[in-house]
Amino acid sequence: MIADILISDYSSVVWDYSILEKPIFCFAYDYDTYISKRGTYEDLNEIFFGGITKTQEELIDRIKNMNETEYVEHTKKIKKKYIIEEQNATKKVVEIIFKEKDNVRTN
């Protein structure tokens, strides 16, 4: 909760952090190599506001000159697209597990 921004690479922490609705930067100095060897599920240049950064200088410049409101609004879009917020998630998981367990016992 104390982090004002997130700097990540290919980590899924982006989805978790998006619930905070704070700016997110993708720093992927090895992007071209990574894409050619491993690939990604989504185009990171489309997910991250302003695309990915490949150099420290570019990253620092973006942070210094960011319009925080624009970054936050983009993070909200990430959150809306990828995070499903529901109440009582733990309760629902426990109910599913025990329902499956009961089904196994009766079958």
C-alpha atoms as a PDB file:
ATOM      1  CA  MET A   1       0.000   0.000   0.000  1.00  0.00           C
ATOM      2  CA  ILE A   2       2.968   2.313   0.333  1.00  0.00           C
ATOM      3  CA  ALA A   3       4.111   1.982  -3.264  1.00  0.00           C
ATOM      4  CA  ASP A   4       3.111   4.956  -5.405  1.00  0.00           C
ATOM      5  CA  ILE A   5       3.992   3.227  -8.677  1.00  0.00           C
ATOM      6  CA  LEU A   6       4.812  -0.260  -9.877  1.00  0.00           C
ATOM      7  CA  ILE A   7       7.734  -1.003 -12.148  1.00  0.00           C
ATOM      8  CA  SER A   8       7.476  -4.529 -13.461  1.00  0.00           C
ATOM      9  CA  ASP A   9       8.580  -6.600 -16.404  1.00  0.00           C
ATOM     10  CA  TYR A  10       6.611  -9.700 -17.370  1.00  0.00           C
ATOM     11  CA  SER A  11       5.325 -10.433 -13.894  1.00  0.00           C
ATOM     12  CA  SER A  12       1.688 -11.168 -13.164  1.00  0.00           C
ATOM     13  CA  VAL A  13       1.963  -8.807 -10.191  1.00  0.00           C
ATOM     14  CA  VAL A  14       0.617  -6.168 -12.593  1.00  0.00           C
ATOM     15  CA  TRP A  15      -2.863  -7.671 -12.319  1.00  0.00           C
ATOM     16  CA  ASP A  16      -2.696  -7.777  -8.519  1.00  0.00           C
ATOM     17  CA  TYR A  17      -1.332  -4.235  -8.279  1.00  0.00           C
ATOM     18  CA  SER A  18      -4.016  -2.865 -10.576  1.00  0.00           C
ATOM     19  CA  ILE A  19      -6.555  -3.093  -7.750  1.00  0.00           C
ATOM     20  CA  LEU A  20      -4.714  -0.186  -6.118  1.00  0.00           C
ATOM     21  CA  GLU A  21      -5.412   2.004  -9.158  1.00  0.00           C
ATOM     22  CA  LYS A  22      -1.914   3.485  -9.223  1.00  0.00           C
ATOM     23  CA  PRO A  23       0.502   4.002 -12.130  1.00  0.00           C
ATOM     24  CA  ILE A  24       2.187   0.922 -13.597  1.00  0.00           C
ATOM     25  CA  PHE A  25       5.300   0.923 -15.777  1.00  0.00           C
ATOM     26  CA  CYS A  26       6.688  -1.978 -17.763  1.00  0.00           C
ATOM     27  CA  PHE A  27      10.484  -1.993 -17.861  1.00  0.00           C
ATOM     28  CA  ALA A  28      11.562  -4.740 -20.225  1.00  0.00           C
ATOM     29  CA  TYR A  29      15.113  -4.105 -21.395  1.00  0.00           C
ATOM     30  CA  ASP A  30      15.213  -7.598 -22.947  1.00  0.00           C
ATOM     31  CA  TYR A  31      11.778  -7.422 -24.564  1.00  0.00           C
ATOM     32  CA  ASP A  32      12.769  -8.443 -28.094  1.00  0.00           C
ATOM     33  CA  THR A  33      14.728 -11.475 -26.878  1.00  0.00           C
ATOM     34  CA  TYR A  34      12.002 -12.449 -24.422  1.00  0.00           C
ATOM     35  CA  ILE A  35       9.277 -12.255 -27.070  1.00  0.00           C
ATOM     36  CA  SER A  36      11.259 -14.302 -29.577  1.00  0.00           C
ATOM     37  CA  LYS A  37      12.079 -17.047 -27.053  1.00  0.00           C
ATOM     38  CA  ARG A  38       9.022 -17.169 -24.781  1.00  0.00           C
ATOM     39  CA  GLY A  39       6.295 -14.874 -26.018  1.00  0.00           C
ATOM     40  CA  THR A  40       3.482 -13.414 -23.940  1.00  0.00           C
ATOM     41  CA  TYR A  41      -0.254 -14.011 -23.737  1.00  0.00           C
ATOM     42  CA  GLU A  42      -1.006 -10.375 -24.530  1.00  0.00           C
ATOM     43  CA  ASP A  43       0.778  -7.574 -26.363  1.00  0.00           C
ATOM     44  CA  LEU A  44       2.476  -5.667 -23.541  1.00  0.00           C
ATOM     45  CA  ASN A  45       2.646  -2.540 -25.655  1.00  0.00           C
ATOM     46  CA  GLU A  46      -1.148  -2.504 -25.692  1.00  0.00           C
ATOM     47  CA  ILE A  47      -1.584  -3.304 -22.001  1.00  0.00           C
ATOM     48  CA  PHE A  48       0.732  -0.688 -20.527  1.00  0.00           C
ATOM     49  CA  PHE A  49       0.093   3.020 -20.878  1.00  0.00           C
ATOM     50  CA  GLY A  50       2.705   4.326 -23.288  1.00  0.00           C
ATOM     51  CA  GLY A  51       3.877   0.779 -24.012  1.00  0.00           C
ATOM     52  CA  ILE A  52       6.961  -0.823 -22.569  1.00  0.00           C
ATOM     53  CA  THR A  53      10.224   0.918 -21.759  1.00  0.00           C
ATOM     54  CA  LYS A  54      13.499  -0.693 -22.805  1.00  0.00           C
ATOM     55  CA  THR A  55      16.066   1.614 -21.195  1.00  0.00           C
ATOM     56  CA  GLN A  56      16.570   3.024 -17.731  1.00  0.00           C
ATOM     57  CA  GLU A  57      16.765   6.513 -19.174  1.00  0.00           C
ATOM     58  CA  GLU A  58      13.389   6.157 -20.882  1.00  0.00           C
ATOM     59  CA  LEU A  59      11.844   4.747 -17.698  1.00  0.00           C
ATOM     60  CA  ILE A  60      13.170   7.588 -15.548  1.00  0.00           C
ATOM     61  CA  ASP A  61      11.980  10.142 -18.096  1.00  0.00           C
ATOM     62  CA  ARG A  62       8.481   8.638 -18.166  1.00  0.00           C
ATOM     63  CA  ILE A  63       8.259   8.623 -14.376  1.00  0.00           C
ATOM     64  CA  LYS A  64       9.485  12.206 -14.059  1.00  0.00           C
ATOM     65  CA  ASN A  65       7.116  13.465 -16.751  1.00  0.00           C
ATOM     66  CA  MET A  66       4.087  11.279 -16.215  1.00  0.00           C
ATOM     67  CA  ASN A  67       0.595  12.624 -16.047  1.00  0.00           C
ATOM     68  CA  GLU A  68      -0.509  10.633 -13.025  1.00  0.00           C
ATOM     69  CA  THR A  69      -4.192  10.965 -13.886  1.00  0.00           C
ATOM     70  CA  GLU A  70      -3.653   9.376 -17.309  1.00  0.00           C
ATOM     71  CA  TYR A  71      -1.673   6.499 -15.811  1.00  0.00           C
ATOM     72  CA  VAL A  72      -4.270   5.906 -13.100  1.00  0.00           C
ATOM     73  CA  GLU A  73      -7.091   5.905 -15.640  1.00  0.00           C
ATOM     74  CA  HIS A  74      -5.211   3.348 -17.709  1.00  0.00           C
ATOM     75  CA  THR A  75      -4.600   1.171 -14.637  1.00  0.00           C
ATOM     76  CA  LYS A  76      -8.339   1.276 -13.957  1.00  0.00           C
ATOM     77  CA  LYS A  77      -8.882  -0.111 -17.474  1.00  0.00           C
ATOM     78  CA  ILE A  78      -6.456  -2.960 -16.739  1.00  0.00           C
ATOM     79  CA  LYS A  79      -8.298  -3.665 -13.512  1.00  0.00           C
ATOM     80  CA  LYS A  80     -11.695  -3.583 -15.213  1.00  0.00           C
ATOM     81  CA  LYS A  81     -10.580  -5.910 -17.999  1.00  0.00           C
ATOM     82  CA  TYR A  82      -8.635  -8.466 -15.968  1.00  0.00           C
ATOM     83  CA  ILE A  83      -9.841  -8.359 -12.370  1.00  0.00           C
ATOM     84  CA  ILE A  84     -13.264  -9.673 -11.429  1.00  0.00           C
ATOM     85  CA  GLU A  85     -14.264  -8.225  -8.100  1.00  0.00           C
ATOM     86  CA  GLU A  86     -16.820 -10.176  -6.177  1.00  0.00           C
ATOM     87  CA  GLN A  87     -17.844 -10.281  -2.561  1.00  0.00           C
ATOM     88  CA  ASN A  88     -17.191 -13.348  -0.396  1.00  0.00           C
ATOM     89  CA  ALA A  89     -14.604 -14.962  -2.685  1.00  0.00           C
ATOM     90  CA  THR A  90     -13.207 -17.200   0.080  1.00  0.00           C
ATOM     91  CA  LYS A  91     -16.680 -18.364   1.053  1.00  0.00           C
ATOM     92  CA  LYS A  92     -17.473 -19.248  -2.565  1.00  0.00           C
ATOM     93  CA  VAL A  93     -14.257 -21.243  -2.955  1.00  0.00           C
ATOM     94  CA  VAL A  94     -14.915 -23.211   0.249  1.00  0.00           C
ATOM     95  CA  GLU A  95     -18.472 -23.955  -0.886  1.00  0.00           C
ATOM     96  CA  ILE A  96     -17.222 -25.192  -4.258  1.00  0.00           C
ATOM     97  CA  ILE A  97     -14.597 -27.407  -2.647  1.00  0.00           C
ATOM     98  CA  PHE A  98     -17.013 -28.962  -0.160  1.00  0.00           C
ATOM     99  CA  LYS A  99     -19.731 -29.393  -2.791  1.00  0.00           C
ATOM    100  CA  GLU A 100     -17.255 -31.290  -4.958  1.00  0.00           C
ATOM    101  CA  LYS A 101     -16.156 -33.330  -1.953  1.00  0.00           C
ATOM    102  CA  ASP A 102     -19.796 -34.202  -1.135  1.00  0.00           C
ATOM    103  CA  ASN A 103     -20.443 -35.140  -4.778  1.00  0.00           C
ATOM    104  CA  VAL A 104     -17.511 -37.547  -4.695  1.00  0.00           C
ATOM    105  CA  ARG A 105     -18.846 -39.184  -1.527  1.00  0.00           C
ATOM    106  CA  THR A 106     -22.335 -39.692  -2.939  1.00  0.00           C
ATOM    107  CA  ASN A 107     -21.241 -41.006  -6.323  1.00  0.00           C
END
